[in-house]
Amino acid sequence: MTLAKRVSKHFDDSAEIKLQSKKVLAQPIADAAQAMVNSLMHDGKILACGNGGSAADAQHFAAELINRFEVERPALPAIALTTDSSVLTSIGNDYDFKQIFSKQVRALGMEGDVLLAISTSGNSSNVVEAITAAHERGMIVIALTGRDGGQMGAMLREGDFHLCVPAERTARVQEVHLLVLHCLCDVIDHVLMGGA
């Protein structure tokens, strides 16, 4: 296989999993976005967390809400729990790495807020702990996972949302996660700006 064919296969695989995901995730994404809108319209905020590439996704999503996505609108309250190095390292050092997000959720999350919990495997221990903290605070959880959803999928409650990409490879799951985040941003803007 030539290098160009190898690269082409990545494009083909990515397109195929995106089309498969569309079939199972379009309505759940729309429902999750509506839940975010409902929270925002009642003075709620969105907290987002994840590790590695998922940390970058959490930051990307928060930036799109605070600044703008594709249309001009007022800033929306969102916090990426992945960005404050002093908070993260103090919790990790004094307590445990598993608590780096859950302690922030307990400090910042309020009833009616939304936690966007991102993990390609669904098994990231610190994201699992964040979901537990969000449930304690009366928050809605939107879990963005892949594979079989892992521990995160199993711990969701009624009123939570599970956006599970039907793929095994981390790269493919992450590629769809980015598309899901853009879909959420688009629907939030569409609804808030008075779209039908």
Protein backbone atom coordinates (compact mmCIF):
# COMPACT_ATOMS: atom_id res chain seq x y z
CA MET A 1 0.00 0.00 0.00
CA THR A 2 1.38 3.40 -0.93
CA LEU A 3 1.46 6.18 1.64
CA ALA A 4 -1.18 8.08 -0.33
CA LYS A 5 -3.47 5.04 -0.24
CA ARG A 6 -2.88 4.71 3.49
CA VAL A 7 -3.89 8.33 3.96
CA SER A 8 -6.91 7.86 1.69
CA LYS A 9 -8.06 4.94 3.82
CA HIS A 10 -8.17 7.22 6.88
CA PHE A 11 -10.48 9.57 4.98
CA ASP A 12 -12.69 6.67 3.88
CA ASP A 13 -12.84 5.17 7.38
CA SER A 14 -13.63 8.55 8.92
CA ALA A 15 -16.42 9.25 6.45
CA GLU A 16 -17.93 5.80 6.99
CA ILE A 17 -18.03 6.08 10.78
CA LYS A 18 -19.50 9.58 10.56
CA LEU A 19 -22.35 8.27 8.40
CA GLN A 20 -22.94 5.37 10.81
CA SER A 21 -22.92 7.81 13.71
CA LYS A 22 -25.45 10.08 12.01
CA LYS A 23 -28.00 7.26 12.03
CA VAL A 24 -27.76 6.67 15.78
CA LEU A 25 -26.77 10.09 17.12
CA ALA A 26 -28.71 12.76 15.22
CA GLN A 27 -31.74 12.75 17.55
CA PRO A 28 -29.75 12.28 20.78
CA ILE A 29 -27.49 15.21 19.79
CA ALA A 30 -30.53 17.39 19.11
CA ASP A 31 -32.04 16.39 22.47
CA ALA A 32 -28.78 17.05 24.32
CA ALA A 33 -28.43 20.47 22.67
CA GLN A 34 -31.99 21.33 23.72
CA ALA A 35 -31.12 20.38 27.30
CA MET A 36 -28.13 22.71 27.12
CA VAL A 37 -30.35 25.50 25.80
CA ASN A 38 -32.87 24.92 28.60
CA SER A 39 -30.08 25.20 31.17
CA LEU A 40 -28.62 28.34 29.59
CA MET A 41 -32.04 29.99 29.42
CA HIS A 42 -32.50 29.41 33.16
CA ASP A 43 -29.19 31.01 34.17
CA GLY A 44 -27.33 27.70 34.06
CA LYS A 45 -23.86 27.04 32.73
CA ILE A 46 -21.99 24.22 31.07
CA LEU A 47 -18.93 22.61 32.63
CA ALA A 48 -16.79 20.41 30.37
CA CYS A 49 -14.01 17.94 31.11
CA GLY A 50 -11.89 15.21 29.56
CA ASN A 51 -8.27 14.03 29.28
CA GLY A 52 -5.74 14.46 26.48
CA GLY A 53 -7.52 15.04 23.19
CA SER A 54 -10.81 15.12 25.11
CA ALA A 55 -9.40 17.93 27.27
CA ALA A 56 -8.76 19.87 24.08
CA ASP A 57 -12.33 19.14 22.98
CA ALA A 58 -13.67 20.45 26.32
CA GLN A 59 -11.68 23.66 25.85
CA HIS A 60 -12.75 23.97 22.21
CA PHE A 61 -16.42 23.65 23.17
CA ALA A 62 -16.15 26.20 25.98
CA ALA A 63 -14.44 28.65 23.63
CA GLU A 64 -17.18 28.27 21.01
CA LEU A 65 -19.85 29.10 23.62
CA ILE A 66 -18.06 31.95 25.37
CA ASN A 67 -16.90 33.62 22.16
CA ARG A 68 -19.03 32.53 19.20
CA PHE A 69 -19.55 29.62 16.84
CA GLU A 70 -20.73 30.78 13.40
CA VAL A 71 -23.17 33.60 14.19
CA GLU A 72 -22.93 36.69 16.34
CA ARG A 73 -24.68 36.28 19.69
CA PRO A 74 -24.13 37.13 23.34
CA ALA A 75 -21.48 35.12 25.18
CA LEU A 76 -22.73 31.93 26.83
CA PRO A 77 -21.46 30.64 30.20
CA ALA A 78 -19.18 27.63 29.82
CA ILE A 79 -16.12 26.48 31.74
CA ALA A 80 -13.51 23.93 30.68
CA LEU A 81 -12.36 22.22 33.87
CA THR A 82 -9.12 21.26 32.13
CA THR A 83 -7.38 24.62 31.95
CA ASP A 84 -6.31 25.87 35.38
CA SER A 85 -2.92 24.27 35.99
CA SER A 86 -2.74 25.45 39.60
CA VAL A 87 -6.13 23.93 40.46
CA LEU A 88 -5.39 20.70 38.60
CA THR A 89 -1.95 20.19 40.10
CA SER A 90 -2.96 21.14 43.63
CA ILE A 91 -5.84 18.65 43.61
CA GLY A 92 -3.69 15.99 41.97
CA ASN A 93 -0.89 16.55 44.48
CA ASP A 94 -2.92 16.98 47.69
CA TYR A 95 -5.61 14.40 46.94
CA ASP A 96 -5.69 12.25 43.83
CA PHE A 97 -5.69 12.69 40.06
CA LYS A 98 -9.13 11.04 40.01
CA GLN A 99 -10.54 14.09 41.81
CA ILE A 100 -9.23 16.86 39.54
CA PHE A 101 -12.64 17.37 37.90
CA SER A 102 -15.02 16.22 40.64
CA LYS A 103 -13.73 18.79 43.16
CA GLN A 104 -14.26 21.53 40.58
CA VAL A 105 -17.77 20.28 39.80
CA ARG A 106 -18.61 20.34 43.52
CA ALA A 107 -17.24 23.89 43.77
CA LEU A 108 -18.71 25.37 40.59
CA GLY A 109 -21.68 23.22 39.58
CA MET A 110 -25.22 24.10 40.56
CA GLU A 111 -28.54 22.33 40.16
CA GLY A 112 -29.69 22.71 36.57
CA ASP A 113 -26.19 23.17 35.17
CA VAL A 114 -24.85 20.74 32.56
CA LEU A 115 -21.71 18.63 32.72
CA LEU A 116 -20.27 17.68 29.33
CA ALA A 117 -18.16 14.63 30.19
CA ILE A 118 -15.86 13.45 27.39
CA SER A 119 -13.99 10.14 27.21
CA THR A 120 -13.38 8.02 24.13
CA SER A 121 -13.44 4.81 26.19
CA GLY A 122 -16.05 5.92 28.73
CA ASN A 123 -13.73 4.68 31.47
CA SER A 124 -11.62 7.71 32.44
CA SER A 125 -11.67 7.56 36.23
CA ASN A 126 -11.56 11.31 36.79
CA VAL A 127 -14.42 11.87 34.34
CA VAL A 128 -16.42 9.09 36.02
CA GLU A 129 -15.86 10.88 39.36
CA ALA A 130 -17.00 14.16 37.78
CA ILE A 131 -20.29 12.51 36.75
CA THR A 132 -20.81 11.30 40.31
CA ALA A 133 -20.23 14.85 41.59
CA ALA A 134 -22.58 16.29 38.96
CA HIS A 135 -25.34 13.91 40.04
CA GLU A 136 -24.80 14.97 43.66
CA ARG A 137 -25.22 18.60 42.60
CA GLY A 138 -28.42 17.95 40.60
CA MET A 139 -26.78 18.60 37.25
CA ILE A 140 -27.64 17.13 33.87
CA VAL A 141 -24.88 14.98 32.38
CA ILE A 142 -24.11 14.72 28.68
CA ALA A 143 -21.61 11.89 28.22
CA LEU A 144 -19.64 11.90 24.98
CA THR A 145 -18.04 8.46 24.59
CA GLY A 146 -17.18 5.73 22.10
CA ARG A 147 -16.92 1.94 21.91
CA ASP A 148 -19.50 0.49 24.34
CA GLY A 149 -19.75 3.64 26.49
CA GLY A 150 -17.80 2.08 29.36
CA GLN A 151 -18.47 2.95 32.98
CA MET A 152 -19.84 6.35 32.03
CA GLY A 153 -22.64 4.90 29.94
CA ALA A 154 -23.63 2.54 32.74
CA MET A 155 -23.89 5.27 35.39
CA LEU A 156 -26.10 7.74 33.56
CA ARG A 157 -29.52 8.54 35.01
CA GLU A 158 -32.88 9.44 33.56
CA GLY A 159 -32.57 12.94 32.15
CA ASP A 160 -28.92 12.44 31.19
CA PHE A 161 -27.76 11.99 27.59
CA HIS A 162 -25.35 9.43 26.16
CA LEU A 163 -23.73 10.32 22.84
CA CYS A 164 -21.77 7.14 22.14
CA VAL A 165 -19.87 6.94 18.86
CA PRO A 166 -20.18 3.42 17.38
CA ALA A 167 -16.45 2.96 16.76
CA GLU A 168 -13.52 1.22 18.42
CA ARG A 169 -10.53 3.23 17.20
CA THR A 170 -9.71 6.26 19.33
CA ALA A 171 -8.91 8.43 16.31
CA ARG A 172 -12.29 7.72 14.69
CA VAL A 173 -14.15 8.35 17.95
CA GLN A 174 -12.33 11.67 18.43
CA GLU A 175 -13.10 12.75 14.88
CA VAL A 176 -16.80 12.19 15.45
CA HIS A 177 -16.62 13.87 18.86
CA LEU A 178 -15.48 17.08 17.18
CA LEU A 179 -18.38 16.89 14.74
CA VAL A 180 -20.80 16.26 17.62
CA LEU A 181 -19.49 19.33 19.45
CA HIS A 182 -19.99 21.46 16.35
CA CYS A 183 -23.53 20.08 15.98
CA LEU A 184 -24.27 20.99 19.60
CA CYS A 185 -22.96 24.52 19.03
CA ASP A 186 -25.02 24.92 15.86
CA VAL A 187 -28.26 23.72 17.45
CA ILE A 188 -27.71 25.89 20.55
CA ASP A 189 -27.21 28.95 18.36
CA HIS A 190 -30.14 28.05 16.11
CA VAL A 191 -32.56 27.69 19.00
CA LEU A 192 -31.32 30.69 20.98
CA MET A 193 -31.41 32.93 17.91
CA GLY A 194 -35.03 32.03 17.23
CA GLY A 195 -34.66 29.40 14.51
CA ALA A 196 -37.58 27.14 13.71
